[in-house]
Amino acid sequence: MLAIVLIFLVSFIDWFIKLGVFNQLSQLSLKWWRLLAFSGLFSGLFILFPDSIPYLEPFYFLVYLLIFQRSWTWSQSLFYGLAPFVLVDLFQRTFGIYQLKWTTFQLWQ
């Protein structure tokens, strides 16, 4: 049970960061309660369907933009829908490199 709660919490924080980046980049005024609700919804879907949901994650913002932001062109929706995933992944990989270097440095001492 504790493992499920921790997985939900990590997924929730991950989605909250992605939604925050999405909110800042797209300049859509998503209220804080919507950020929390969407984070909880996406995290719940991840817990219920752990094998298939990670492959569908990049399409969530695209669907959201196509439904609620119809005035944008297709290329705008594509850019703003995928940019949060690229930025968060870039940050995680950069942080992972420094964490690996630090761990390696600690093991050598």
Protein backbone atom coordinates (compact mmCIF):
# COMPACT_ATOMS: atom_id res chain seq x y z
CA MET A 1 0.00 0.00 0.00
CA LEU A 2 2.83 2.37 0.85
CA ALA A 3 4.44 1.69 -2.53
CA ILE A 4 1.25 2.70 -4.34
CA VAL A 5 1.03 5.91 -2.34
CA LEU A 6 4.67 6.76 -3.12
CA ILE A 7 4.20 6.02 -6.82
CA PHE A 8 1.09 8.20 -6.84
CA LEU A 9 2.94 11.01 -5.05
CA VAL A 10 5.92 10.94 -7.43
CA SER A 11 3.60 10.84 -10.44
CA PHE A 12 1.52 13.67 -8.97
CA ILE A 13 4.58 15.90 -8.48
CA ASP A 14 5.83 15.05 -11.97
CA TRP A 15 2.50 15.99 -13.53
CA PHE A 16 2.20 19.13 -11.42
CA ILE A 17 5.59 20.29 -12.73
CA LYS A 18 4.63 19.45 -16.33
CA LEU A 19 1.34 21.29 -15.97
CA GLY A 20 3.09 24.29 -14.42
CA VAL A 21 5.54 24.44 -17.33
CA PHE A 22 2.63 24.03 -19.75
CA ASN A 23 0.73 26.82 -18.01
CA GLN A 24 3.69 29.21 -18.17
CA LEU A 25 4.65 28.43 -21.77
CA SER A 26 1.20 28.49 -23.29
CA GLN A 27 0.06 31.44 -21.16
CA LEU A 28 -3.28 29.75 -20.57
CA SER A 29 -4.61 30.83 -17.22
CA LEU A 30 -5.20 27.46 -15.59
CA LYS A 31 -6.30 27.93 -12.01
CA TRP A 32 -4.39 26.19 -9.23
CA TRP A 33 -7.26 23.82 -8.47
CA ARG A 34 -7.30 22.68 -12.11
CA LEU A 35 -3.57 22.00 -11.94
CA LEU A 36 -4.14 19.88 -8.84
CA ALA A 37 -7.17 18.12 -10.35
CA PHE A 38 -5.41 17.29 -13.61
CA SER A 39 -2.32 16.12 -11.72
CA GLY A 40 -4.46 13.83 -9.59
CA LEU A 41 -6.40 12.56 -12.60
CA PHE A 42 -3.29 11.75 -14.62
CA SER A 43 -1.60 10.16 -11.62
CA GLY A 44 -4.67 8.05 -10.94
CA LEU A 45 -4.70 6.89 -14.55
CA PHE A 46 -1.03 5.98 -14.19
CA ILE A 47 -1.81 3.85 -11.12
CA LEU A 48 -4.77 2.13 -12.82
CA PHE A 49 -3.09 1.48 -16.18
CA PRO A 50 0.68 1.45 -15.56
CA ASP A 51 1.58 -0.38 -18.78
CA SER A 52 -0.21 1.78 -21.34
CA ILE A 53 -0.49 5.28 -19.88
CA PRO A 54 3.21 6.29 -20.18
CA TYR A 55 2.94 5.92 -23.96
CA LEU A 56 -0.11 8.20 -24.09
CA GLU A 57 1.23 10.98 -21.82
CA PRO A 58 2.53 13.29 -24.58
CA PHE A 59 -0.91 13.34 -26.21
CA TYR A 60 -2.78 14.71 -23.15
CA PHE A 61 -1.80 18.33 -23.73
CA LEU A 62 -2.37 18.03 -27.47
CA VAL A 63 -5.92 16.83 -26.91
CA TYR A 64 -6.48 19.54 -24.31
CA LEU A 65 -5.26 22.24 -26.70
CA LEU A 66 -7.27 20.93 -29.63
CA ILE A 67 -10.45 20.97 -27.52
CA PHE A 68 -10.04 24.20 -25.53
CA GLN A 69 -7.74 26.30 -27.70
CA ARG A 70 -9.25 26.04 -31.17
CA SER A 71 -7.95 29.42 -32.29
CA TRP A 72 -4.36 28.15 -32.38
CA THR A 73 -2.82 26.64 -35.47
CA TRP A 74 -1.85 22.99 -35.55
CA SER A 75 1.85 23.82 -35.25
CA GLN A 76 1.25 26.02 -32.19
CA SER A 77 -0.70 23.22 -30.50
CA LEU A 78 2.03 20.75 -31.35
CA PHE A 79 4.78 22.97 -29.95
CA TYR A 80 3.01 23.99 -26.74
CA GLY A 81 1.67 20.47 -26.21
CA LEU A 82 5.06 18.76 -26.41
CA ALA A 83 7.38 21.44 -25.00
CA PRO A 84 6.69 20.64 -21.30
CA PHE A 85 7.66 16.99 -21.81
CA VAL A 86 10.86 17.95 -23.60
CA LEU A 87 11.86 20.49 -20.95
CA VAL A 88 11.10 18.23 -17.99
CA ASP A 89 12.91 15.30 -19.64
CA LEU A 90 15.92 17.52 -20.38
CA PHE A 91 16.04 18.65 -16.74
CA GLN A 92 15.71 15.07 -15.45
CA ARG A 93 18.52 13.84 -17.71
CA THR A 94 20.79 16.74 -16.73
CA PHE A 95 20.08 16.15 -13.04
CA GLY A 96 20.69 12.43 -13.54
CA ILE A 97 24.14 13.08 -15.03
CA TYR A 98 25.17 15.18 -12.03
CA GLN A 99 23.72 12.61 -9.65
CA LEU A 100 25.69 9.86 -11.41
CA LYS A 101 28.89 11.92 -11.22
CA TRP A 102 28.35 12.61 -7.53
CA THR A 103 27.65 8.94 -6.78
CA THR A 104 30.73 7.87 -8.71
CA PHE A 105 32.81 10.45 -6.90
CA GLN A 106 31.54 9.20 -3.52
CA LEU A 107 32.32 5.57 -4.41
CA TRP A 108 35.92 6.40 -5.36
CA GLN A 109 36.67 7.95 -1.99
